[in-house]
Amino acid sequence: MLAGAFIHILAFFSFAQAQDTIDNSIEMADQMRADGKIYVVVLVVLIAFTGLMVYAISTDRKVSKLENEIKSLKSKEDL
């Protein structure tokens, strides 16, 4: 078990080292940054992430409300 974990970690680090030798300049990102379009991409990603977080929080609140309602109905039923 421990040997398997060690092999996986070793493989991960060797893969990461192999990726490091690749040229790190991304021409598309450099061009978008030069044109100012990278900020539009970042803004869209942030808006999408914010929307997902708002949806997750509102869904969590609704589920909590339903759980409390079920709990109160069960307690009334037990009486």
Protein backbone atom coordinates (compact mmCIF):
# COMPACT_ATOMS: atom_id res chain seq x y z
CA MET A 1 0.00 0.00 0.00
CA LEU A 2 2.73 2.43 0.98
CA ALA A 3 4.88 1.38 -1.96
CA GLY A 4 1.96 2.00 -4.33
CA ALA A 5 1.44 5.48 -2.91
CA PHE A 6 5.15 6.20 -3.24
CA ILE A 7 5.11 5.09 -6.88
CA HIS A 8 2.11 7.33 -7.60
CA ILE A 9 3.79 10.33 -5.98
CA LEU A 10 7.01 9.65 -7.85
CA ALA A 11 5.12 9.36 -11.15
CA PHE A 12 3.29 12.61 -10.44
CA PHE A 13 6.50 14.52 -9.77
CA SER A 14 8.21 13.09 -12.84
CA PHE A 15 5.19 14.09 -14.94
CA ALA A 16 5.28 17.59 -13.46
CA GLN A 17 9.00 17.83 -14.23
CA ALA A 18 8.38 16.73 -17.82
CA GLN A 19 5.73 19.42 -18.22
CA ASP A 20 8.12 22.05 -16.91
CA THR A 21 10.49 21.57 -19.85
CA ILE A 22 7.83 22.66 -22.34
CA ASP A 23 7.98 26.29 -23.50
CA ASN A 24 5.88 28.24 -21.00
CA SER A 25 4.93 31.13 -23.29
CA ILE A 26 1.33 30.93 -24.39
CA GLU A 27 0.96 33.10 -27.44
CA MET A 28 -2.83 33.29 -27.35
CA ALA A 29 -2.84 34.54 -23.75
CA ASP A 30 -0.10 37.06 -24.51
CA GLN A 31 -2.07 38.40 -27.47
CA MET A 32 -5.30 38.58 -25.46
CA ARG A 33 -3.46 40.36 -22.65
CA ALA A 34 -2.00 42.83 -25.13
CA ASP A 35 -5.43 43.51 -26.62
CA GLY A 36 -7.04 43.80 -23.19
CA LYS A 37 -9.40 40.91 -23.92
CA ILE A 38 -8.03 38.76 -21.11
CA TYR A 39 -9.94 40.96 -18.69
CA VAL A 40 -13.17 40.14 -20.50
CA VAL A 41 -12.43 36.43 -20.12
CA VAL A 42 -11.64 36.86 -16.43
CA LEU A 43 -14.83 38.88 -15.95
CA VAL A 44 -16.98 36.22 -17.63
CA VAL A 45 -15.40 33.48 -15.52
CA LEU A 46 -15.97 35.50 -12.34
CA ILE A 47 -19.60 36.17 -13.27
CA ALA A 48 -20.18 32.47 -13.95
CA PHE A 49 -18.50 31.48 -10.67
CA THR A 50 -20.51 34.06 -8.73
CA GLY A 51 -23.72 32.81 -10.32
CA LEU A 52 -22.91 29.23 -9.39
CA MET A 53 -22.14 30.24 -5.80
CA VAL A 54 -25.40 32.20 -5.49
CA TYR A 55 -27.32 29.21 -6.88
CA ALA A 56 -25.57 26.80 -4.50
CA ILE A 57 -26.22 29.00 -1.47
CA SER A 58 -29.89 29.55 -2.34
CA THR A 59 -30.37 25.82 -2.95
CA ASP A 60 -28.72 25.05 0.39
CA ARG A 61 -31.04 27.47 2.17
CA LYS A 62 -34.11 25.93 0.52
CA VAL A 63 -32.99 22.42 1.45
CA SER A 64 -32.32 23.50 5.04
CA LYS A 65 -35.77 25.06 5.21
CA LEU A 66 -37.37 21.86 3.93
CA GLU A 67 -35.35 19.75 6.38
CA ASN A 68 -36.51 21.91 9.28
CA GLU A 69 -40.11 21.67 8.07
CA ILE A 70 -39.89 17.88 7.85
CA LYS A 71 -38.31 17.74 11.30
CA SER A 72 -41.10 19.88 12.79
CA LEU A 73 -43.79 17.76 11.10
CA LYS A 74 -42.22 14.59 12.48
CA SER A 75 -42.08 16.07 15.98
CA LYS A 76 -45.77 17.05 15.75
CA GLU A 77 -46.57 13.55 14.53
CA ASP A 78 -44.81 12.00 17.52
CA LEU A 79 -46.97 14.00 19.93
